[in-house]
PDB file of N, CA and C in Angstrom:
ATOM      1  N   UNK A   1      52.959 -11.660  38.250  1.00  0.00           N
ATOM      2  CA  UNK A   1      54.045 -11.212  37.419  1.00  0.00           C
ATOM      3  C   UNK A   1      54.847 -12.440  37.004  1.00  0.00           C
ATOM      4  N   UNK A   2      55.013 -12.611  35.724  1.00  0.00           N
ATOM      5  CA  UNK A   2      55.761 -13.751  35.212  1.00  0.00           C
ATOM      6  C   UNK A   2      56.593 -13.304  34.022  1.00  0.00           C
ATOM      7  N   UNK A   3      57.895 -13.560  34.080  1.00  0.00           N
ATOM      8  CA  UNK A   3      58.817 -13.206  33.011  1.00  0.00           C
ATOM      9  C   UNK A   3      59.745 -14.367  32.763  1.00  0.00           C
ATOM     10  N   UNK A   4      60.354 -14.381  31.600  1.00  0.00           N
ATOM     11  CA  UNK A   4      61.357 -15.392  31.302  1.00  0.00           C
ATOM     12  C   UNK A   4      62.737 -14.789  31.444  1.00  0.00           C
ATOM     13  N   UNK A   5      63.671 -15.626  31.893  1.00  0.00           N
ATOM     14  CA  UNK A   5      65.066 -15.238  31.971  1.00  0.00           C
ATOM     15  C   UNK A   5      65.891 -16.303  31.278  1.00  0.00           C
ATOM     16  N   UNK A   6      67.220 -16.215  31.444  1.00  0.00           N
ATOM     17  CA  UNK A   6      68.077 -17.204  30.811  1.00  0.00           C
ATOM     18  C   UNK A   6      69.055 -17.747  31.837  1.00  0.00           C
ATOM     19  N   UNK A   7      69.605 -18.912  31.528  1.00  0.00           N
ATOM     20  CA  UNK A   7      70.691 -19.488  32.285  1.00  0.00           C
ATOM     21  C   UNK A   7      71.932 -19.318  31.438  1.00  0.00           C
ATOM     22  N   UNK A   8      72.968 -18.684  32.004  1.00  0.00           N
ATOM     23  CA  UNK A   8      74.192 -18.411  31.263  1.00  0.00           C
ATOM     24  C   UNK A   8      75.027 -19.656  31.033  1.00  0.00           C
ATOM     25  N   UNK A   9      76.106 -19.485  30.281  1.00  0.00           N
ATOM     26  CA  UNK A   9      76.973 -20.602  29.918  1.00  0.00           C
ATOM     27  C   UNK A   9      77.645 -21.247  31.128  1.00  0.00           C
ATOM     28  N   UNK A  10      77.764 -20.511  32.224  1.00  0.00           N
ATOM     29  CA  UNK A  10      78.351 -21.060  33.452  1.00  0.00           C
ATOM     30  C   UNK A  10      77.270 -21.309  34.503  1.00  0.00           C
ATOM     31  N   UNK A  11      76.046 -21.511  34.049  1.00  0.00           N
ATOM     32  CA  UNK A  11      74.876 -21.779  34.893  1.00  0.00           C
ATOM     33  C   UNK A  11      74.451 -20.600  35.766  1.00  0.00           C
ATOM     34  N   UNK A  12      74.847 -19.379  35.399  1.00  0.00           N
ATOM     35  CA  UNK A  12      74.387 -18.213  36.131  1.00  0.00           C
ATOM     36  C   UNK A  12      72.925 -17.967  35.790  1.00  0.00           C
ATOM     37  N   UNK A  13      72.169 -17.483  36.771  1.00  0.00           N
ATOM     38  CA  UNK A  13      70.769 -17.140  36.527  1.00  0.00           C
ATOM     39  C   UNK A  13      70.670 -15.638  36.290  1.00  0.00           C
ATOM     40  N   UNK A  14      69.946 -15.252  35.272  1.00  0.00           N
ATOM     41  CA  UNK A  14      69.774 -13.844  34.941  1.00  0.00           C
ATOM     42  C   UNK A  14      68.305 -13.470  34.970  1.00  0.00           C
ATOM     43  N   UNK A  15      67.806 -13.012  36.125  1.00  0.00           N
ATOM     44  CA  UNK A  15      66.403 -12.591  36.152  1.00  0.00           C
ATOM     45  C   UNK A  15      66.234 -11.298  35.365  1.00  0.00           C
ATOM     46  N   UNK A  16      65.093 -11.115  34.740  1.00  0.00           N
ATOM     47  CA  UNK A  16      64.843  -9.893  33.979  1.00  0.00           C
ATOM     48  C   UNK A  16      64.907  -8.640  34.853  1.00  0.00           C
ATOM     49  N   UNK A  17      65.218  -7.522  34.216  1.00  0.00           N
ATOM     50  CA  UNK A  17      65.368  -6.243  34.896  1.00  0.00           C
ATOM     51  C   UNK A  17      64.128  -5.885  35.720  1.00  0.00           C
ATOM     52  N   UNK A  18      62.934  -6.116  35.172  1.00  0.00           N
ATOM     53  CA  UNK A  18      61.704  -5.761  35.894  1.00  0.00           C
ATOM     54  C   UNK A  18      61.588  -6.515  37.217  1.00  0.00           C
ATOM     55  N   UNK A  19      62.029  -7.757  37.257  1.00  0.00           N
ATOM     56  CA  UNK A  19      61.989  -8.531  38.492  1.00  0.00           C
ATOM     57  C   UNK A  19      63.034  -8.012  39.469  1.00  0.00           C
ATOM     58  N   UNK A  20      64.257  -7.730  38.981  1.00  0.00           N
ATOM     59  CA  UNK A  20      65.300  -7.175  39.852  1.00  0.00           C
ATOM     60  C   UNK A  20      64.858  -5.856  40.452  1.00  0.00           C
ATOM     61  N   UNK A  21      64.208  -5.029  39.650  1.00  0.00           N
ATOM     62  CA  UNK A  21      63.708  -3.746  40.148  1.00  0.00           C
ATOM     63  C   UNK A  21      62.604  -3.948  41.179  1.00  0.00           C
ATOM     64  N   UNK A  22      61.688  -4.856  40.906  1.00  0.00           N
ATOM     65  CA  UNK A  22      60.566  -5.118  41.817  1.00  0.00           C
ATOM     66  C   UNK A  22      61.062  -5.586  43.186  1.00  0.00           C
ATOM     67  N   UNK A  23      62.121  -6.422  43.194  1.00  0.00           N
ATOM     68  CA  UNK A  23      62.689  -6.936  44.436  1.00  0.00           C
ATOM     69  C   UNK A  23      63.713  -5.992  45.046  1.00  0.00           C
ATOM     70  N   UNK A  24      64.080  -4.939  44.316  1.00  0.00           N
ATOM     71  CA  UNK A  24      65.080  -4.004  44.822  1.00  0.00           C
ATOM     72  C   UNK A  24      66.475  -4.587  44.821  1.00  0.00           C
ATOM     73  N   UNK A  25      66.762  -5.484  43.871  1.00  0.00           N
ATOM     74  CA  UNK A  25      68.069  -6.132  43.817  1.00  0.00           C
ATOM     75  C   UNK A  25      69.094  -5.217  43.159  1.00  0.00           C
ATOM     76  N   UNK A  26      70.250  -5.146  43.783  1.00  0.00           N
ATOM     77  CA  UNK A  26      71.363  -4.345  43.282  1.00  0.00           C
ATOM     78  C   UNK A  26      72.576  -5.262  43.128  1.00  0.00           C
ATOM     79  N   UNK A  27      73.573  -4.869  42.351  1.00  0.00           N
ATOM     80  CA  UNK A  27      74.784  -5.699  42.252  1.00  0.00           C
ATOM     81  C   UNK A  27      75.381  -5.941  43.641  1.00  0.00           C
ATOM     82  N   UNK A  28      75.698  -7.174  43.917  1.00  0.00           N
ATOM     83  CA  UNK A  28      76.264  -7.542  45.217  1.00  0.00           C
ATOM     84  C   UNK A  28      75.219  -7.856  46.280  1.00  0.00           C
ATOM     85  N   UNK A  29      73.945  -7.621  45.989  1.00  0.00           N
ATOM     86  CA  UNK A  29      72.858  -7.903  46.935  1.00  0.00           C
ATOM     87  C   UNK A  29      72.796  -9.401  47.200  1.00  0.00           C
ATOM     88  N   UNK A  30      72.647  -9.770  48.470  1.00  0.00           N
ATOM     89  CA  UNK A  30      72.509 -11.184  48.807  1.00  0.00           C
ATOM     90  C   UNK A  30      71.069 -11.623  48.615  1.00  0.00           C
ATOM     91  N   UNK A  31      70.903 -12.859  48.170  1.00  0.00           N
ATOM     92  CA  UNK A  31      69.587 -13.459  47.997  1.00  0.00           C
ATOM     93  C   UNK A  31      69.612 -14.863  48.570  1.00  0.00           C
ATOM     94  N   UNK A  32      68.430 -15.365  48.953  1.00  0.00           N
ATOM     95  CA  UNK A  32      68.274 -16.744  49.410  1.00  0.00           C
ATOM     96  C   UNK A  32      67.554 -17.509  48.309  1.00  0.00           C
ATOM     97  N   UNK A  33      67.964 -18.751  48.113  1.00  0.00           N
ATOM     98  CA  UNK A  33      67.316 -19.632  47.162  1.00  0.00           C
ATOM     99  C   UNK A  33      66.715 -20.804  47.912  1.00  0.00           C
ATOM    100  N   UNK A  34      65.542 -21.248  47.480  1.00  0.00           N
ATOM    101  CA  UNK A  34      64.981 -22.488  47.994  1.00  0.00           C
ATOM    102  C   UNK A  34      64.151 -23.127  46.883  1.00  0.00           C
ATOM    103  N   UNK A  35      64.025 -24.420  46.996  1.00  0.00           N
ATOM    104  CA  UNK A  35      63.253 -25.176  46.021  1.00  0.00           C
ATOM    105  C   UNK A  35      61.951 -25.594  46.665  1.00  0.00           C
ATOM    106  N   UNK A  36      60.870 -25.293  45.994  1.00  0.00           N
ATOM    107  CA  UNK A  36      59.532 -25.713  46.417  1.00  0.00           C
ATOM    108  C   UNK A  36      58.942 -26.536  45.277  1.00  0.00           C
ATOM    109  N   UNK A  37      58.983 -27.857  45.455  1.00  0.00           N
ATOM    110  CA  UNK A  37      58.532 -28.735  44.369  1.00  0.00           C
ATOM    111  C   UNK A  37      59.482 -28.598  43.199  1.00  0.00           C
ATOM    112  N   UNK A  38      58.938 -28.165  42.071  1.00  0.00           N
ATOM    113  CA  UNK A  38      59.782 -27.968  40.889  1.00  0.00           C
ATOM    114  C   UNK A  38      60.043 -26.490  40.625  1.00  0.00           C
ATOM    115  N   UNK A  39      59.872 -25.652  41.652  1.00  0.00           N
ATOM    116  CA  UNK A  39      60.057 -24.201  41.505  1.00  0.00           C
ATOM    117  C   UNK A  39      61.248 -23.724  42.300  1.00  0.00           C
ATOM    118  N   UNK A  40      61.945 -22.765  41.751  1.00  0.00           N
ATOM    119  CA  UNK A  40      63.033 -22.084  42.444  1.00  0.00           C
ATOM    120  C   UNK A  40      62.483 -20.770  42.970  1.00  0.00           C
ATOM    121  N   UNK A  41      62.607 -20.549  44.287  1.00  0.00           N
ATOM    122  CA  UNK A  41      62.128 -19.315  44.907  1.00  0.00           C
ATOM    123  C   UNK A  41      63.359 -18.507  45.302  1.00  0.00           C
ATOM    124  N   UNK A  42      63.374 -17.237  44.946  1.00  0.00           N
ATOM    125  CA  UNK A  42      64.481 -16.346  45.267  1.00  0.00           C
ATOM    126  C   UNK A  42      63.950 -15.226  46.149  1.00  0.00           C
ATOM    127  N   UNK A  43      64.609 -15.010  47.289  1.00  0.00           N
ATOM    128  CA  UNK A  43      64.202 -13.946  48.213  1.00  0.00           C
ATOM    129  C   UNK A  43      65.388 -13.031  48.469  1.00  0.00           C
ATOM    130  N   UNK A  44      65.127 -11.748  48.514  1.00  0.00           N
ATOM    131  CA  UNK A  44      66.156 -10.767  48.837  1.00  0.00           C
ATOM    132  C   UNK A  44      66.460 -10.864  50.317  1.00  0.00           C
ATOM    133  N   UNK A  45      67.751 -10.850  50.685  1.00  0.00           N
ATOM    134  CA  UNK A  45      68.169 -10.835  52.079  1.00  0.00           C
ATOM    135  C   UNK A  45      68.318  -9.382  52.496  1.00  0.00           C
ATOM    136  N   UNK A  46      67.599  -8.944  53.524  1.00  0.00           N
ATOM    137  CA  UNK A  46      67.706  -7.544  53.927  1.00  0.00           C
ATOM    138  C   UNK A  46      69.065  -7.243  54.531  1.00  0.00           C
ATOM    139  N   UNK A  47      69.507  -5.999  54.382  1.00  0.00           N
ATOM    140  CA  UNK A  47      70.782  -5.574  54.961  1.00  0.00           C
ATOM    141  C   UNK A  47      70.610  -5.389  56.469  1.00  0.00           C
ATOM    142  N   UNK A  48      71.736  -5.278  57.174  1.00  0.00           N
ATOM    143  CA  UNK A  48      71.692  -5.033  58.606  1.00  0.00           C
ATOM    144  C   UNK A  48      70.966  -3.720  58.888  1.00  0.00           C
ATOM    145  N   UNK A  49      71.225  -2.721  58.058  1.00  0.00           N
ATOM    146  CA  UNK A  49      70.573  -1.418  58.242  1.00  0.00           C
ATOM    147  C   UNK A  49      69.053  -1.550  58.122  1.00  0.00           C
ATOM    148  N   UNK A  50      68.594  -2.319  57.141  1.00  0.00           N
ATOM    149  CA  UNK A  50      67.146  -2.518  56.967  1.00  0.00           C
ATOM    150  C   UNK A  50      66.553  -3.256  58.161  1.00  0.00           C
ATOM    151  N   UNK A  51      67.277  -4.239  58.678  1.00  0.00           N
ATOM    152  CA  UNK A  51      66.784  -4.984  59.840  1.00  0.00           C
ATOM    153  C   UNK A  51      66.688  -4.087  61.069  1.00  0.00           C
ATOM    154  N   UNK A  52      67.670  -3.192  61.227  1.00  0.00           N
ATOM    155  CA  UNK A  52      67.646  -2.300  62.377  1.00  0.00           C
ATOM    156  C   UNK A  52      66.486  -1.308  62.321  1.00  0.00           C
ATOM    157  N   UNK A  53      66.015  -1.007  61.126  1.00  0.00           N
ATOM    158  CA  UNK A  53      64.891  -0.079  60.962  1.00  0.00           C
ATOM    159  C   UNK A  53      63.548  -0.731  61.271  1.00  0.00           C
ATOM    160  N   UNK A  54      63.511  -2.071  61.268  1.00  0.00           N
ATOM    161  CA  UNK A  54      62.257  -2.793  61.512  1.00  0.00           C
ATOM    162  C   UNK A  54      61.894  -2.769  62.991  1.00  0.00           C
ATOM    163  N   UNK A  55      60.609  -2.890  63.249  1.00  0.00           N
ATOM    164  CA  UNK A  55      60.104  -3.007  64.620  1.00  0.00           C
ATOM    165  C   UNK A  55      60.622  -4.330  65.194  1.00  0.00           C
ATOM    166  N   UNK A  56      61.150  -4.330  66.416  1.00  0.00           N
ATOM    167  CA  UNK A  56      61.646  -5.582  66.990  1.00  0.00           C
ATOM    168  C   UNK A  56      60.527  -6.614  67.136  1.00  0.00           C
ATOM    169  N   UNK A  57      60.891  -7.887  66.984  1.00  0.00           N
ATOM    170  CA  UNK A  57      59.927  -8.962  67.134  1.00  0.00           C
ATOM    171  C   UNK A  57      59.586  -9.203  68.598  1.00  0.00           C
ATOM    172  N   UNK A  58      60.560  -8.962  69.472  1.00  0.00           N
ATOM    173  CA  UNK A  58      60.380  -9.190  70.891  1.00  0.00           C
ATOM    174  C   UNK A  58      60.898  -7.966  71.637  1.00  0.00           C
ATOM    175  N   UNK A  59      60.169  -7.539  72.639  1.00  0.00           N
ATOM    176  CA  UNK A  59      60.619  -6.428  73.471  1.00  0.00           C
ATOM    177  C   UNK A  59      60.877  -6.949  74.866  1.00  0.00           C
ATOM    178  N   UNK A  60      62.112  -6.671  75.364  1.00  0.00           N
ATOM    179  CA  UNK A  60      62.458  -7.062  76.731  1.00  0.00           C
ATOM    180  C   UNK A  60      63.132  -5.872  77.411  1.00  0.00           C
ATOM    181  N   UNK A  61      63.118  -5.904  78.707  1.00  0.00           N
ATOM    182  CA  UNK A  61      63.772  -4.837  79.463  1.00  0.00           C
ATOM    183  C   UNK A  61      65.276  -5.140  79.535  1.00  0.00           C
ATOM    184  N   UNK A  62      66.047  -4.130  79.911  1.00  0.00           N
ATOM    185  CA  UNK A  62      67.472  -4.323  80.088  1.00  0.00           C
ATOM    186  C   UNK A  62      67.746  -5.379  81.152  1.00  0.00           C
ATOM    187  N   UNK A  63      66.975  -5.350  82.218  1.00  0.00           N
ATOM    188  CA  UNK A  63      67.151  -6.327  83.293  1.00  0.00           C
ATOM    189  C   UNK A  63      66.909  -7.755  82.778  1.00  0.00           C
ATOM    190  N   UNK A  64      65.870  -7.928  81.969  1.00  0.00           N
ATOM    191  CA  UNK A  64      65.589  -9.258  81.403  1.00  0.00           C
ATOM    192  C   UNK A  64      66.729  -9.710  80.498  1.00  0.00           C
ATOM    193  N   UNK A  65      67.262  -8.813  79.726  1.00  0.00           N
ATOM    194  CA  UNK A  65      68.361  -9.135  78.820  1.00  0.00           C
ATOM    195  C   UNK A  65      69.600  -9.533  79.619  1.00  0.00           C
ATOM    196  N   UNK A  66      69.907  -8.795  80.671  1.00  0.00           N
ATOM    197  CA  UNK A  66      71.077  -9.112  81.493  1.00  0.00           C
ATOM    198  C   UNK A  66      70.912 -10.445  82.212  1.00  0.00           C
ATOM    199  N   UNK A  67      69.709 -10.733  82.710  1.00  0.00           N
ATOM    200  CA  UNK A  67      69.451 -12.033  83.355  1.00  0.00           C
ATOM    201  C   UNK A  67      69.658 -13.179  82.365  1.00  0.00           C
ATOM    202  N   UNK A  68      69.139 -13.012  81.167  1.00  0.00           N
ATOM    203  CA  UNK A  68      69.274 -14.063  80.150  1.00  0.00           C
ATOM    204  C   UNK A  68      70.741 -14.231  79.748  1.00  0.00           C
ATOM    205  N   UNK A  69      71.444 -13.135  79.612  1.00  0.00           N
ATOM    206  CA  UNK A  69      72.873 -13.202  79.274  1.00  0.00           C
ATOM    207  C   UNK A  69      73.634 -13.955  80.362  1.00  0.00           C
ATOM    208  N   UNK A  70      73.332 -13.657  81.613  1.00  0.00           N
ATOM    209  CA  UNK A  70      73.979 -14.328  82.743  1.00  0.00           C
ATOM    210  C   UNK A  70      73.637 -15.827  82.743  1.00  0.00           C
ATOM    211  N   UNK A  71      72.376 -16.140  82.504  1.00  0.00           N
ATOM    212  CA  UNK A  71      71.942 -17.552  82.452  1.00  0.00           C
ATOM    213  C   UNK A  71      72.687 -18.312  81.357  1.00  0.00           C
ATOM    214  N   UNK A  72      72.800 -17.699  80.181  1.00  0.00           N
ATOM    215  CA  UNK A  72      73.485 -18.356  79.065  1.00  0.00           C
ATOM    216  C   UNK A  72      74.976 -18.524  79.336  1.00  0.00           C
ATOM    217  N   UNK A  73      75.578 -17.523  79.984  1.00  0.00           N
ATOM    218  CA  UNK A  73      76.998 -17.636  80.341  1.00  0.00           C
ATOM    219  C   UNK A  73      77.232 -18.812  81.279  1.00  0.00           C
ATOM    220  N   UNK A  74      76.378 -18.947  82.294  1.00  0.00           N
ATOM    221  CA  UNK A  74      76.497 -20.072  83.238  1.00  0.00           C
ATOM    222  C   UNK A  74      76.307 -21.401  82.509  1.00  0.00           C
ATOM    223  N   UNK A  75      75.360 -21.438  81.598  1.00  0.00           N
ATOM    224  CA  UNK A  75      75.094 -22.664  80.837  1.00  0.00           C
ATOM    225  C   UNK A  75      76.306 -23.059  79.992  1.00  0.00           C
ATOM    226  N   UNK A  76      76.940 -22.083  79.358  1.00  0.00           N
ATOM    227  CA  UNK A  76      78.101 -22.370  78.510  1.00  0.00           C
ATOM    228  C   UNK A  76      79.339 -22.754  79.316  1.00  0.00           C
ATOM    229  N   UNK A  77      79.437 -22.244  80.535  1.00  0.00           N
ATOM    230  CA  UNK A  77      80.594 -22.581  81.386  1.00  0.00           C
ATOM    231  C   UNK A  77      80.516 -24.007  81.903  1.00  0.00           C
ATOM    232  N   UNK A  78      79.349 -24.585  81.883  1.00  0.00           N
ATOM    233  CA  UNK A  78      79.175 -25.968  82.292  1.00  0.00           C
ATOM    234  C   UNK A  78      78.878 -26.107  83.687  1.00  0.00           C
TER     235      UNK A  78
END
């Protein structure tokens, strides 16, 4: 998919509607920008609600979480 957009008078980027729809971009939606060579890559930042709906990357027990929390507290206390 390749479309052309424009750069506004104040250097705003205006991606075409089809791209905004494809990425699910809405007004106020956060996006990440990065440069790869001479290309600008734009990624949609998921909302907290979307992240909570995802399968966790790591599964730990409550006991493991409490041990780690205690370890980190001791580390921060010096």
